[in-house]
Amino acid sequence: MEIVLSIALGIGLSAACGFRVFVPFLVISIASLSGHLELAEGFTWIGTWPALIAFAVATALEIGAYYVPWLDNLLDSIATPVAVIAGVLVAAACITDMSPLLKWVLAVIVGGGAAGAVQGLTVVTRAASTATTGGIGNPVVSSVEAGSSVVMSGLAVLLPLAAAVIFIALMALLAKKLLARKPRPAVA
């Protein structure tokens, strides 16, 4: 059961990386320092005071930068590959008691995939907001994304199975919605 919980934790935190890259690292740093989370071997540095300070500063800068009108769209292009890498790392940091090969395969596929899927949705949402509101609605989108990252990170640490189920359910709903869309007729 321990392995299942660590994988669920990795999924939830990786999904949160898709909303904001540094929030999940800040949350697991706090959880590790407070004794609520055991990090995998090689990732214990995340649960140190210098790392906590660095993640807190990076989180504040990242969240603040998304409120700058032209910077938010630029950050989305940079954040996509970074979120995938962060998803892989945060999953690897949380998956314990598993062979290194299997752990890294799961981290890359599940962690990177979860972060990439959520990040992709945020890019599409911000682009739609920019197109429909001229960017005026983007601060609302940024607030929802930041809040979602905090909630998903906290939920992943406190109730990892619930976080994983929520992520999987949201992805299933999205897939169903995308598959139900009727293609537009081609214009001749």
C-alpha atoms as a PDB file:
ATOM      1  CA  MET A   1       0.000   0.000   0.000  1.00  0.00           C
ATOM      2  CA  GLU A   2       2.959   2.295   0.677  1.00  0.00           C
ATOM      3  CA  ILE A   3       4.003   2.132  -2.980  1.00  0.00           C
ATOM      4  CA  VAL A   4       0.478   2.929  -4.190  1.00  0.00           C
ATOM      5  CA  LEU A   5       0.311   5.958  -1.900  1.00  0.00           C
ATOM      6  CA  SER A   6       3.710   7.232  -3.040  1.00  0.00           C
ATOM      7  CA  ILE A   7       2.676   6.891  -6.695  1.00  0.00           C
ATOM      8  CA  ALA A   8      -0.614   8.677  -5.992  1.00  0.00           C
ATOM      9  CA  LEU A   9       1.331  11.395  -4.188  1.00  0.00           C
ATOM     10  CA  GLY A  10       3.620  11.722  -7.192  1.00  0.00           C
ATOM     11  CA  ILE A  11       0.645  11.979  -9.572  1.00  0.00           C
ATOM     12  CA  GLY A  12      -1.081  14.673  -7.509  1.00  0.00           C
ATOM     13  CA  LEU A  13       2.063  16.743  -7.068  1.00  0.00           C
ATOM     14  CA  SER A  14       3.027  16.367 -10.728  1.00  0.00           C
ATOM     15  CA  ALA A  15      -0.407  17.570 -11.792  1.00  0.00           C
ATOM     16  CA  ALA A  16       0.059  20.567  -9.489  1.00  0.00           C
ATOM     17  CA  CYS A  17       3.364  21.308 -11.286  1.00  0.00           C
ATOM     18  CA  GLY A  18       1.287  21.829 -14.414  1.00  0.00           C
ATOM     19  CA  PHE A  19      -0.444  24.771 -12.736  1.00  0.00           C
ATOM     20  CA  ARG A  20       2.640  26.286 -11.083  1.00  0.00           C
ATOM     21  CA  VAL A  21       6.102  24.747 -11.170  1.00  0.00           C
ATOM     22  CA  PHE A  22       7.401  25.712  -7.727  1.00  0.00           C
ATOM     23  CA  VAL A  23       4.310  25.402  -5.498  1.00  0.00           C
ATOM     24  CA  PRO A  24       4.510  21.583  -5.208  1.00  0.00           C
ATOM     25  CA  PHE A  25       8.211  21.766  -4.340  1.00  0.00           C
ATOM     26  CA  LEU A  26       7.452  24.337  -1.637  1.00  0.00           C
ATOM     27  CA  VAL A  27       4.674  22.139  -0.238  1.00  0.00           C
ATOM     28  CA  ILE A  28       6.795  18.979  -0.118  1.00  0.00           C
ATOM     29  CA  SER A  29       9.670  20.936   1.390  1.00  0.00           C
ATOM     30  CA  ILE A  30       7.353  22.106   4.181  1.00  0.00           C
ATOM     31  CA  ALA A  31       5.879  18.610   4.580  1.00  0.00           C
ATOM     32  CA  SER A  32       9.343  17.049   4.762  1.00  0.00           C
ATOM     33  CA  LEU A  33      10.680  19.580   7.263  1.00  0.00           C
ATOM     34  CA  SER A  34       7.621  19.103   9.467  1.00  0.00           C
ATOM     35  CA  GLY A  35       8.036  15.318   9.417  1.00  0.00           C
ATOM     36  CA  HIS A  36       4.884  14.587   7.397  1.00  0.00           C
ATOM     37  CA  LEU A  37       6.637  13.328   4.273  1.00  0.00           C
ATOM     38  CA  GLU A  38       9.600  11.056   3.687  1.00  0.00           C
ATOM     39  CA  LEU A  39      11.431  11.887   0.480  1.00  0.00           C
ATOM     40  CA  ALA A  40      13.134   9.310  -1.700  1.00  0.00           C
ATOM     41  CA  GLU A  41      16.869   8.773  -1.436  1.00  0.00           C
ATOM     42  CA  GLY A  42      18.725  11.472  -3.329  1.00  0.00           C
ATOM     43  CA  PHE A  43      15.914  14.000  -2.872  1.00  0.00           C
ATOM     44  CA  THR A  44      16.250  14.725   0.850  1.00  0.00           C
ATOM     45  CA  TRP A  45      17.797  18.094  -0.039  1.00  0.00           C
ATOM     46  CA  ILE A  46      14.256  19.265  -0.859  1.00  0.00           C
ATOM     47  CA  GLY A  47      13.441  19.009   2.841  1.00  0.00           C
ATOM     48  CA  THR A  48      16.151  21.441   3.997  1.00  0.00           C
ATOM     49  CA  TRP A  49      15.869  25.050   5.146  1.00  0.00           C
ATOM     50  CA  PRO A  50      17.889  26.493   2.243  1.00  0.00           C
ATOM     51  CA  ALA A  51      15.681  24.619  -0.228  1.00  0.00           C
ATOM     52  CA  LEU A  52      12.537  25.834   1.562  1.00  0.00           C
ATOM     53  CA  ILE A  53      13.707  29.437   1.310  1.00  0.00           C
ATOM     54  CA  ALA A  54      14.646  29.017  -2.357  1.00  0.00           C
ATOM     55  CA  PHE A  55      11.272  27.407  -3.179  1.00  0.00           C
ATOM     56  CA  ALA A  56       9.380  30.117  -1.279  1.00  0.00           C
ATOM     57  CA  VAL A  57      11.159  32.885  -3.212  1.00  0.00           C
ATOM     58  CA  ALA A  58      10.746  31.052  -6.538  1.00  0.00           C
ATOM     59  CA  THR A  59       7.050  30.451  -5.824  1.00  0.00           C
ATOM     60  CA  ALA A  60       6.424  34.113  -4.995  1.00  0.00           C
ATOM     61  CA  LEU A  61       8.269  35.260  -8.128  1.00  0.00           C
ATOM     62  CA  GLU A  62       6.479  32.750 -10.348  1.00  0.00           C
ATOM     63  CA  ILE A  63       3.025  33.609  -9.042  1.00  0.00           C
ATOM     64  CA  GLY A  64       3.731  37.339  -9.263  1.00  0.00           C
ATOM     65  CA  ALA A  65       5.103  37.093 -12.802  1.00  0.00           C
ATOM     66  CA  TYR A  66       1.852  35.587 -14.046  1.00  0.00           C
ATOM     67  CA  TYR A  67       0.087  38.852 -13.186  1.00  0.00           C
ATOM     68  CA  VAL A  68       2.255  40.870 -15.603  1.00  0.00           C
ATOM     69  CA  PRO A  69       0.186  41.160 -18.816  1.00  0.00           C
ATOM     70  CA  TRP A  70       2.743  40.287 -21.488  1.00  0.00           C
ATOM     71  CA  LEU A  71       4.902  38.099 -19.265  1.00  0.00           C
ATOM     72  CA  ASP A  72       2.166  35.558 -18.530  1.00  0.00           C
ATOM     73  CA  ASN A  73       1.978  34.315 -22.127  1.00  0.00           C
ATOM     74  CA  LEU A  74       5.768  34.279 -22.418  1.00  0.00           C
ATOM     75  CA  LEU A  75       6.015  32.269 -19.194  1.00  0.00           C
ATOM     76  CA  ASP A  76       3.574  29.717 -20.581  1.00  0.00           C
ATOM     77  CA  SER A  77       5.932  28.929 -23.456  1.00  0.00           C
ATOM     78  CA  ILE A  78       8.844  28.526 -21.032  1.00  0.00           C
ATOM     79  CA  ALA A  79       6.802  26.775 -18.349  1.00  0.00           C
ATOM     80  CA  THR A  80       5.635  23.915 -20.552  1.00  0.00           C
ATOM     81  CA  PRO A  81       8.926  21.989 -20.742  1.00  0.00           C
ATOM     82  CA  VAL A  82       9.889  23.120 -17.235  1.00  0.00           C
ATOM     83  CA  ALA A  83       6.584  21.828 -15.801  1.00  0.00           C
ATOM     84  CA  VAL A  84       7.152  18.423 -17.386  1.00  0.00           C
ATOM     85  CA  ILE A  85      10.663  18.228 -15.920  1.00  0.00           C
ATOM     86  CA  ALA A  86       9.349  19.391 -12.530  1.00  0.00           C
ATOM     87  CA  GLY A  87       6.603  16.761 -12.705  1.00  0.00           C
ATOM     88  CA  VAL A  88       9.193  14.058 -13.311  1.00  0.00           C
ATOM     89  CA  LEU A  89      11.380  15.270 -10.445  1.00  0.00           C
ATOM     90  CA  VAL A  90       8.590  15.703  -7.922  1.00  0.00           C
ATOM     91  CA  ALA A  91       7.229  12.239  -8.734  1.00  0.00           C
ATOM     92  CA  ALA A  92      10.700  10.706  -8.392  1.00  0.00           C
ATOM     93  CA  ALA A  93      11.155  12.504  -5.067  1.00  0.00           C
ATOM     94  CA  CYS A  94       7.962  10.976  -3.693  1.00  0.00           C
ATOM     95  CA  ILE A  95       8.063   7.439  -5.080  1.00  0.00           C
ATOM     96  CA  THR A  96       9.867   5.366  -2.470  1.00  0.00           C
ATOM     97  CA  ASP A  97      10.636   1.682  -1.893  1.00  0.00           C
ATOM     98  CA  MET A  98      10.852   0.815  -5.573  1.00  0.00           C
ATOM     99  CA  SER A  99      13.619  -0.235  -7.931  1.00  0.00           C
ATOM    100  CA  PRO A 100      15.310   2.817  -9.466  1.00  0.00           C
ATOM    101  CA  LEU A 101      14.465   1.757 -13.026  1.00  0.00           C
ATOM    102  CA  LEU A 102      10.753   1.339 -12.335  1.00  0.00           C
ATOM    103  CA  LYS A 103      10.680   4.515 -10.249  1.00  0.00           C
ATOM    104  CA  TRP A 104      12.189   6.631 -13.032  1.00  0.00           C
ATOM    105  CA  VAL A 105      10.013   5.041 -15.723  1.00  0.00           C
ATOM    106  CA  LEU A 106       6.929   5.858 -13.633  1.00  0.00           C
ATOM    107  CA  ALA A 107       8.221   9.338 -12.850  1.00  0.00           C
ATOM    108  CA  VAL A 108       8.806  10.129 -16.516  1.00  0.00           C
ATOM    109  CA  ILE A 109       5.582   8.634 -17.846  1.00  0.00           C
ATOM    110  CA  VAL A 110       3.153   9.397 -15.031  1.00  0.00           C
ATOM    111  CA  GLY A 111       4.796  12.451 -13.461  1.00  0.00           C
ATOM    112  CA  GLY A 112       5.843  14.129 -16.677  1.00  0.00           C
ATOM    113  CA  GLY A 113       2.587  13.158 -18.357  1.00  0.00           C
ATOM    114  CA  ALA A 114       0.416  14.560 -15.567  1.00  0.00           C
ATOM    115  CA  ALA A 115       2.342  17.833 -15.440  1.00  0.00           C
ATOM    116  CA  GLY A 116       2.337  18.135 -19.227  1.00  0.00           C
ATOM    117  CA  ALA A 117      -1.394  17.462 -19.510  1.00  0.00           C
ATOM    118  CA  VAL A 118      -2.290  20.089 -16.912  1.00  0.00           C
ATOM    119  CA  GLN A 119       0.206  22.606 -18.308  1.00  0.00           C
ATOM    120  CA  GLY A 120      -1.253  22.099 -21.771  1.00  0.00           C
ATOM    121  CA  LEU A 121      -4.705  22.920 -20.424  1.00  0.00           C
ATOM    122  CA  THR A 122      -3.424  26.071 -18.753  1.00  0.00           C
ATOM    123  CA  VAL A 123      -1.777  27.240 -21.977  1.00  0.00           C
ATOM    124  CA  VAL A 124      -5.016  26.737 -23.910  1.00  0.00           C
ATOM    125  CA  THR A 125      -7.026  28.471 -21.176  1.00  0.00           C
ATOM    126  CA  ARG A 126      -4.700  31.485 -21.059  1.00  0.00           C
ATOM    127  CA  ALA A 127      -4.667  31.748 -24.861  1.00  0.00           C
ATOM    128  CA  ALA A 128      -8.472  31.666 -24.914  1.00  0.00           C
ATOM    129  CA  SER A 129      -8.588  34.296 -22.174  1.00  0.00           C
ATOM    130  CA  THR A 130      -6.157  36.504 -24.059  1.00  0.00           C
ATOM    131  CA  ALA A 131      -8.091  36.105 -27.307  1.00  0.00           C
ATOM    132  CA  THR A 132     -11.524  36.749 -25.799  1.00  0.00           C
ATOM    133  CA  THR A 133     -10.685  39.436 -23.235  1.00  0.00           C
ATOM    134  CA  GLY A 134      -7.560  41.012 -24.682  1.00  0.00           C
ATOM    135  CA  GLY A 135      -5.677  39.806 -21.607  1.00  0.00           C
ATOM    136  CA  ILE A 136      -7.959  41.531 -19.096  1.00  0.00           C
ATOM    137  CA  GLY A 137      -9.209  38.151 -17.845  1.00  0.00           C
ATOM    138  CA  ASN A 138      -5.733  36.670 -17.466  1.00  0.00           C
ATOM    139  CA  PRO A 139      -5.276  37.705 -13.805  1.00  0.00           C
ATOM    140  CA  VAL A 140      -8.394  35.684 -12.964  1.00  0.00           C
ATOM    141  CA  VAL A 141      -6.955  32.706 -14.848  1.00  0.00           C
ATOM    142  CA  SER A 142      -3.648  33.168 -13.002  1.00  0.00           C
ATOM    143  CA  SER A 143      -5.405  33.249  -9.643  1.00  0.00           C
ATOM    144  CA  VAL A 144      -7.349  30.069 -10.391  1.00  0.00           C
ATOM    145  CA  GLU A 145      -4.182  28.311 -11.570  1.00  0.00           C
ATOM    146  CA  ALA A 146      -2.178  29.341  -8.496  1.00  0.00           C
ATOM    147  CA  GLY A 147      -5.013  28.337  -6.186  1.00  0.00           C
ATOM    148  CA  SER A 148      -5.395  25.022  -7.992  1.00  0.00           C
ATOM    149  CA  SER A 149      -1.696  24.310  -7.561  1.00  0.00           C
ATOM    150  CA  VAL A 150      -1.853  25.042  -3.832  1.00  0.00           C
ATOM    151  CA  VAL A 151      -5.015  22.970  -3.309  1.00  0.00           C
ATOM    152  CA  MET A 152      -3.800  20.045  -5.419  1.00  0.00           C
ATOM    153  CA  SER A 153      -0.377  20.047  -3.703  1.00  0.00           C
ATOM    154  CA  GLY A 154      -1.934  20.139  -0.243  1.00  0.00           C
ATOM    155  CA  LEU A 155      -4.464  17.471  -1.150  1.00  0.00           C
ATOM    156  CA  ALA A 156      -1.713  15.269  -2.606  1.00  0.00           C
ATOM    157  CA  VAL A 157       0.255  15.426   0.646  1.00  0.00           C
ATOM    158  CA  LEU A 158      -2.770  14.957   2.918  1.00  0.00           C
ATOM    159  CA  LEU A 159      -4.890  12.592   0.795  1.00  0.00           C
ATOM    160  CA  PRO A 160      -2.762  11.265  -2.055  1.00  0.00           C
ATOM    161  CA  LEU A 161      -5.335   8.792  -3.370  1.00  0.00           C
ATOM    162  CA  ALA A 162      -7.977  11.520  -3.561  1.00  0.00           C
ATOM    163  CA  ALA A 163      -5.612  13.804  -5.476  1.00  0.00           C
ATOM    164  CA  ALA A 164      -4.776  11.065  -7.973  1.00  0.00           C
ATOM    165  CA  VAL A 165      -8.451  10.176  -8.438  1.00  0.00           C
ATOM    166  CA  ILE A 166      -9.365  13.834  -9.004  1.00  0.00           C
ATOM    167  CA  PHE A 167      -6.616  14.203 -11.622  1.00  0.00           C
ATOM    168  CA  ILE A 168      -7.639  10.988 -13.417  1.00  0.00           C
ATOM    169  CA  ALA A 169     -11.328  11.968 -13.317  1.00  0.00           C
ATOM    170  CA  LEU A 170     -10.584  15.415 -14.756  1.00  0.00           C
ATOM    171  CA  MET A 171      -8.491  13.927 -17.540  1.00  0.00           C
ATOM    172  CA  ALA A 172     -11.235  11.387 -18.319  1.00  0.00           C
ATOM    173  CA  LEU A 173     -13.826  14.185 -18.455  1.00  0.00           C
ATOM    174  CA  LEU A 174     -11.606  16.215 -20.745  1.00  0.00           C
ATOM    175  CA  ALA A 175     -10.993  13.228 -23.026  1.00  0.00           C
ATOM    176  CA  LYS A 176     -14.724  12.500 -23.182  1.00  0.00           C
ATOM    177  CA  LYS A 177     -15.451  16.127 -24.034  1.00  0.00           C
ATOM    178  CA  LEU A 178     -12.766  16.239 -26.716  1.00  0.00           C
ATOM    179  CA  LEU A 179     -13.919  12.972 -28.282  1.00  0.00           C
ATOM    180  CA  ALA A 180     -17.546  14.148 -28.299  1.00  0.00           C
ATOM    181  CA  ARG A 181     -16.743  17.281 -30.308  1.00  0.00           C
ATOM    182  CA  LYS A 182     -18.002  17.156 -33.830  1.00  0.00           C
ATOM    183  CA  PRO A 183     -15.462  18.125 -36.458  1.00  0.00           C
ATOM    184  CA  ARG A 184     -16.219  21.313 -38.358  1.00  0.00           C
ATOM    185  CA  PRO A 185     -16.902  20.920 -42.046  1.00  0.00           C
ATOM    186  CA  ALA A 186     -14.072  21.969 -44.302  1.00  0.00           C
ATOM    187  CA  VAL A 187     -14.547  25.264 -46.099  1.00  0.00           C
ATOM    188  CA  ALA A 188     -14.104  24.930 -49.840  1.00  0.00           C
END
